[in-house]
C-alpha atoms as a PDB file:
ATOM      1  CA  MET A   1     -26.965   2.941  10.238  1.00  0.00           C
ATOM      2  CA  GLU A   2     -25.483  -0.384  11.237  1.00  0.00           C
ATOM      3  CA  LYS A   3     -22.917  -0.588  14.023  1.00  0.00           C
ATOM      4  CA  PHE A   4     -19.675  -2.290  13.013  1.00  0.00           C
ATOM      5  CA  PRO A   5     -16.333  -2.549  14.842  1.00  0.00           C
ATOM      6  CA  GLN A   6     -14.355   0.687  14.601  1.00  0.00           C
ATOM      7  CA  ILE A   7     -11.718   0.949  11.887  1.00  0.00           C
ATOM      8  CA  GLY A   8      -8.082   0.650  12.973  1.00  0.00           C
ATOM      9  CA  THR A   9      -5.545   3.258  11.993  1.00  0.00           C
ATOM     10  CA  VAL A  10      -2.608   1.122  10.803  1.00  0.00           C
ATOM     11  CA  GLU A  11      -3.561  -1.449   8.136  1.00  0.00           C
ATOM     12  CA  ASP A  12      -4.960  -0.779   4.673  1.00  0.00           C
ATOM     13  CA  PRO A  13      -8.228  -2.539   3.766  1.00  0.00           C
ATOM     14  CA  ALA A  14      -8.606  -5.422   1.324  1.00  0.00           C
ATOM     15  CA  LEU A  15     -11.461  -5.700  -1.184  1.00  0.00           C
ATOM     16  CA  PHE A  16     -12.813  -8.541  -3.298  1.00  0.00           C
ATOM     17  CA  ARG A  17     -15.641  -8.177  -5.820  1.00  0.00           C
ATOM     18  CA  ASP A  18     -17.253 -11.097  -7.626  1.00  0.00           C
ATOM     19  CA  CYS A  19     -19.229 -11.202 -10.865  1.00  0.00           C
ATOM     20  CA  ASN A  20     -22.541 -11.376  -8.953  1.00  0.00           C
ATOM     21  CA  ARG A  21     -22.235  -7.788  -7.675  1.00  0.00           C
ATOM     22  CA  ASN A  22     -21.101  -8.786  -4.180  1.00  0.00           C
ATOM     23  CA  LEU A  23     -18.143  -7.133  -2.491  1.00  0.00           C
ATOM     24  CA  LEU A  24     -16.156  -8.188   0.574  1.00  0.00           C
ATOM     25  CA  LEU A  25     -14.303  -5.561   2.600  1.00  0.00           C
ATOM     26  CA  SER A  26     -11.740  -6.728   5.143  1.00  0.00           C
ATOM     27  CA  TYR A  27     -10.359  -4.195   7.621  1.00  0.00           C
ATOM     28  CA  GLU A  28      -8.384  -3.870  10.830  1.00  0.00           C
ATOM     29  CA  ILE A  29     -10.492  -3.475  13.974  1.00  0.00           C
ATOM     30  CA  ALA A  30      -9.393  -0.615  16.249  1.00  0.00           C
ATOM     31  CA  PRO A  31      -7.837  -1.604  19.605  1.00  0.00           C
ATOM     32  CA  ILE A  32     -10.702   0.154  21.422  1.00  0.00           C
ATOM     33  CA  ASP A  33     -13.016  -2.537  19.982  1.00  0.00           C
ATOM     34  CA  GLY A  34     -10.627  -5.373  20.815  1.00  0.00           C
ATOM     35  CA  GLY A  35      -8.392  -5.393  17.735  1.00  0.00           C
ATOM     36  CA  GLY A  36      -8.362  -8.058  15.076  1.00  0.00           C
ATOM     37  CA  ASN A  37     -10.036  -8.211  11.693  1.00  0.00           C
ATOM     38  CA  ALA A  38     -13.579  -7.688  10.395  1.00  0.00           C
ATOM     39  CA  ILE A  39     -15.104  -8.619   7.065  1.00  0.00           C
ATOM     40  CA  LEU A  40     -18.211  -6.928   5.704  1.00  0.00           C
ATOM     41  CA  ALA A  41     -20.235  -8.384   2.833  1.00  0.00           C
ATOM     42  CA  PHE A  42     -21.959  -5.822   0.609  1.00  0.00           C
ATOM     43  CA  SER A  43     -24.719  -7.112  -1.670  1.00  0.00           C
ATOM     44  CA  ASP A  44     -26.013  -5.839  -4.994  1.00  0.00           C
ATOM     45  CA  VAL A  45     -23.070  -3.460  -5.453  1.00  0.00           C
ATOM     46  CA  VAL A  46     -23.622  -1.302  -8.532  1.00  0.00           C
ATOM     47  CA  TYR A  47     -20.661   1.048  -8.046  1.00  0.00           C
ATOM     48  CA  TYR A  48     -17.502   1.200  -5.983  1.00  0.00           C
ATOM     49  CA  GLU A  49     -14.251   3.086  -6.071  1.00  0.00           C
ATOM     50  CA  GLN A  50     -11.093   2.788  -4.000  1.00  0.00           C
ATOM     51  CA  ASN A  51      -9.052   5.980  -4.122  1.00  0.00           C
ATOM     52  CA  PRO A  52      -5.819   7.050  -2.478  1.00  0.00           C
ATOM     53  CA  ASN A  53      -6.882   9.707  -0.008  1.00  0.00           C
ATOM     54  CA  ASN A  54      -4.834  10.437   3.125  1.00  0.00           C
ATOM     55  CA  VAL A  55      -6.991  11.089   6.210  1.00  0.00           C
ATOM     56  CA  HIS A  56      -4.720  13.940   7.287  1.00  0.00           C
ATOM     57  CA  GLU A  57      -4.583  15.785   3.961  1.00  0.00           C
ATOM     58  CA  GLY A  58      -7.102  14.528   1.418  1.00  0.00           C
ATOM     59  CA  LEU A  59     -10.454  14.201   3.175  1.00  0.00           C
ATOM     60  CA  ARG A  60     -11.232  17.904   3.180  1.00  0.00           C
ATOM     61  CA  ASP A  61     -11.054  17.866  -0.639  1.00  0.00           C
ATOM     62  CA  SER A  62     -13.551  15.012  -0.988  1.00  0.00           C
ATOM     63  CA  LYS A  63     -16.740  15.662  -2.957  1.00  0.00           C
ATOM     64  CA  TYR A  64     -18.790  13.876  -0.274  1.00  0.00           C
ATOM     65  CA  PRO A  65     -18.670  14.027   3.537  1.00  0.00           C
ATOM     66  CA  VAL A  66     -16.056  11.698   5.011  1.00  0.00           C
ATOM     67  CA  ARG A  67     -15.026  11.131   8.616  1.00  0.00           C
ATOM     68  CA  PRO A  68     -11.525   9.772   9.336  1.00  0.00           C
ATOM     69  CA  TRP A  69     -11.450   6.014   9.990  1.00  0.00           C
ATOM     70  CA  ASP A  70     -15.228   5.752   9.824  1.00  0.00           C
ATOM     71  CA  PHE A  71     -18.269   4.758   7.780  1.00  0.00           C
ATOM     72  CA  THR A  72     -20.333   7.679   6.474  1.00  0.00           C
ATOM     73  CA  GLU A  73     -23.722   7.212   4.834  1.00  0.00           C
ATOM     74  CA  ILE A  74     -24.512   9.851   2.220  1.00  0.00           C
ATOM     75  CA  LEU A  75     -28.231  10.570   1.898  1.00  0.00           C
ATOM     76  CA  GLY A  76     -29.875  12.207  -1.121  1.00  0.00           C
ATOM     77  CA  SER A  77     -26.899  11.689  -3.419  1.00  0.00           C
ATOM     78  CA  ASP A  78     -26.952  11.594  -7.193  1.00  0.00           C
ATOM     79  CA  ARG A  79     -25.114   8.265  -6.826  1.00  0.00           C
ATOM     80  CA  THR A  80     -28.110   6.580  -5.169  1.00  0.00           C
ATOM     81  CA  ASP A  81     -30.701   8.337  -7.345  1.00  0.00           C
ATOM     82  CA  ARG A  82     -28.972   7.067 -10.470  1.00  0.00           C
ATOM     83  CA  TRP A  83     -29.296   3.366  -9.549  1.00  0.00           C
ATOM     84  CA  SER A  84     -32.301   3.177  -7.221  1.00  0.00           C
ATOM     85  CA  SER A  85     -35.728   1.936  -8.121  1.00  0.00           C
ATOM     86  CA  GLN A  86     -38.864   1.241  -6.130  1.00  0.00           C
ATOM     87  CA  HIS A  87     -37.919  -2.431  -5.922  1.00  0.00           C
ATOM     88  CA  SER A  88     -34.249  -2.059  -5.056  1.00  0.00           C
ATOM     89  CA  PRO A  89     -33.295   1.072  -3.122  1.00  0.00           C
ATOM     90  CA  ARG A  90     -29.587   1.812  -2.898  1.00  0.00           C
ATOM     91  CA  ARG A  91     -27.343   3.188  -0.189  1.00  0.00           C
ATOM     92  CA  PHE A  92     -24.151   5.193  -0.650  1.00  0.00           C
ATOM     93  CA  TRP A  93     -21.284   5.066   1.851  1.00  0.00           C
ATOM     94  CA  THR A  94     -17.832   6.522   2.058  1.00  0.00           C
ATOM     95  CA  ILE A  95     -15.377   4.571   4.209  1.00  0.00           C
ATOM     96  CA  SER A  96     -12.029   6.088   5.110  1.00  0.00           C
ATOM     97  CA  PHE A  97      -8.769   4.442   6.081  1.00  0.00           C
ATOM     98  CA  ASN A  98      -5.237   5.869   6.538  1.00  0.00           C
ATOM     99  CA  ASP A  99      -4.434   6.295   2.875  1.00  0.00           C
ATOM    100  CA  TRP A 100      -7.570   5.041   1.129  1.00  0.00           C
ATOM    101  CA  MET A 101     -11.175   6.035   0.786  1.00  0.00           C
ATOM    102  CA  VAL A 102     -13.802   3.635  -0.525  1.00  0.00           C
ATOM    103  CA  GLU A 103     -17.032   4.871  -2.121  1.00  0.00           C
ATOM    104  CA  ILE A 104     -19.694   2.203  -2.510  1.00  0.00           C
ATOM    105  CA  VAL A 105     -23.306   2.079  -3.727  1.00  0.00           C
ATOM    106  CA  PHE A 106     -25.094  -1.086  -2.599  1.00  0.00           C
ATOM    107  CA  SER A 107     -28.369  -2.569  -1.350  1.00  0.00           C
ATOM    108  CA  GLY A 108     -27.327  -4.501   1.769  1.00  0.00           C
ATOM    109  CA  VAL A 109     -24.408  -4.994   4.135  1.00  0.00           C
ATOM    110  CA  GLU A 110     -23.639  -7.407   6.950  1.00  0.00           C
ATOM    111  CA  LEU A 111     -20.745  -8.329   9.192  1.00  0.00           C
ATOM    112  CA  VAL A 112     -19.776 -11.840   8.102  1.00  0.00           C
ATOM    113  CA  GLN A 113     -16.645 -12.304  10.186  1.00  0.00           C
ATOM    114  CA  GLU A 114     -15.117 -10.715  13.264  1.00  0.00           C
ATOM    115  CA  SER A 115     -11.860 -12.197  14.526  1.00  0.00           C
ATOM    116  CA  ARG A 116      -9.600 -11.107  17.366  1.00  0.00           C
ATOM    117  CA  GLU A 117      -6.617 -12.629  15.563  1.00  0.00           C
ATOM    118  CA  GLU A 118      -4.001 -10.004  14.680  1.00  0.00           C
ATOM    119  CA  ILE A 119      -3.910 -10.555  10.931  1.00  0.00           C
ATOM    120  CA  ALA A 120      -3.530  -8.245   7.957  1.00  0.00           C
ATOM    121  CA  PRO A 121      -6.830  -7.531   6.147  1.00  0.00           C
ATOM    122  CA  ASP A 122      -5.671  -9.192   2.923  1.00  0.00           C
ATOM    123  CA  ALA A 123      -4.684 -12.373   4.785  1.00  0.00           C
ATOM    124  CA  GLY A 124      -7.986 -12.301   6.700  1.00  0.00           C
ATOM    125  CA  LEU A 125      -9.877 -12.061   3.423  1.00  0.00           C
ATOM    126  CA  LEU A 126      -7.903 -14.928   1.892  1.00  0.00           C
ATOM    127  CA  ASN A 127      -8.580 -17.079   4.982  1.00  0.00           C
ATOM    128  CA  TYR A 128     -12.292 -16.291   4.777  1.00  0.00           C
END
């Protein structure tokens, strides 16, 4: 699995999805990784969900494994089987924040911006 800056524990994420099945995720970088803002670009997104799910109370009730303030890749899921083919395999991640959990099925992901500027994820995404 890719290594991205650790998720901060204060700010909520910001998401933007376009009509070409691309999704941008902007999130706060944890102080241990220098703080700031990171933006990930997911490609060929066939499914995503953003649900209210508090890391202190709701994660244990999740259908899939989730680690607090972390990226978790789910292998062998019905979500990936449903949309995968030989020519375009899919990946399924859960990503948890303070009060939100994102589920996403996609083909590729990359870090497109990492800034040390202390800026809210939605403002970082708008600036990008």
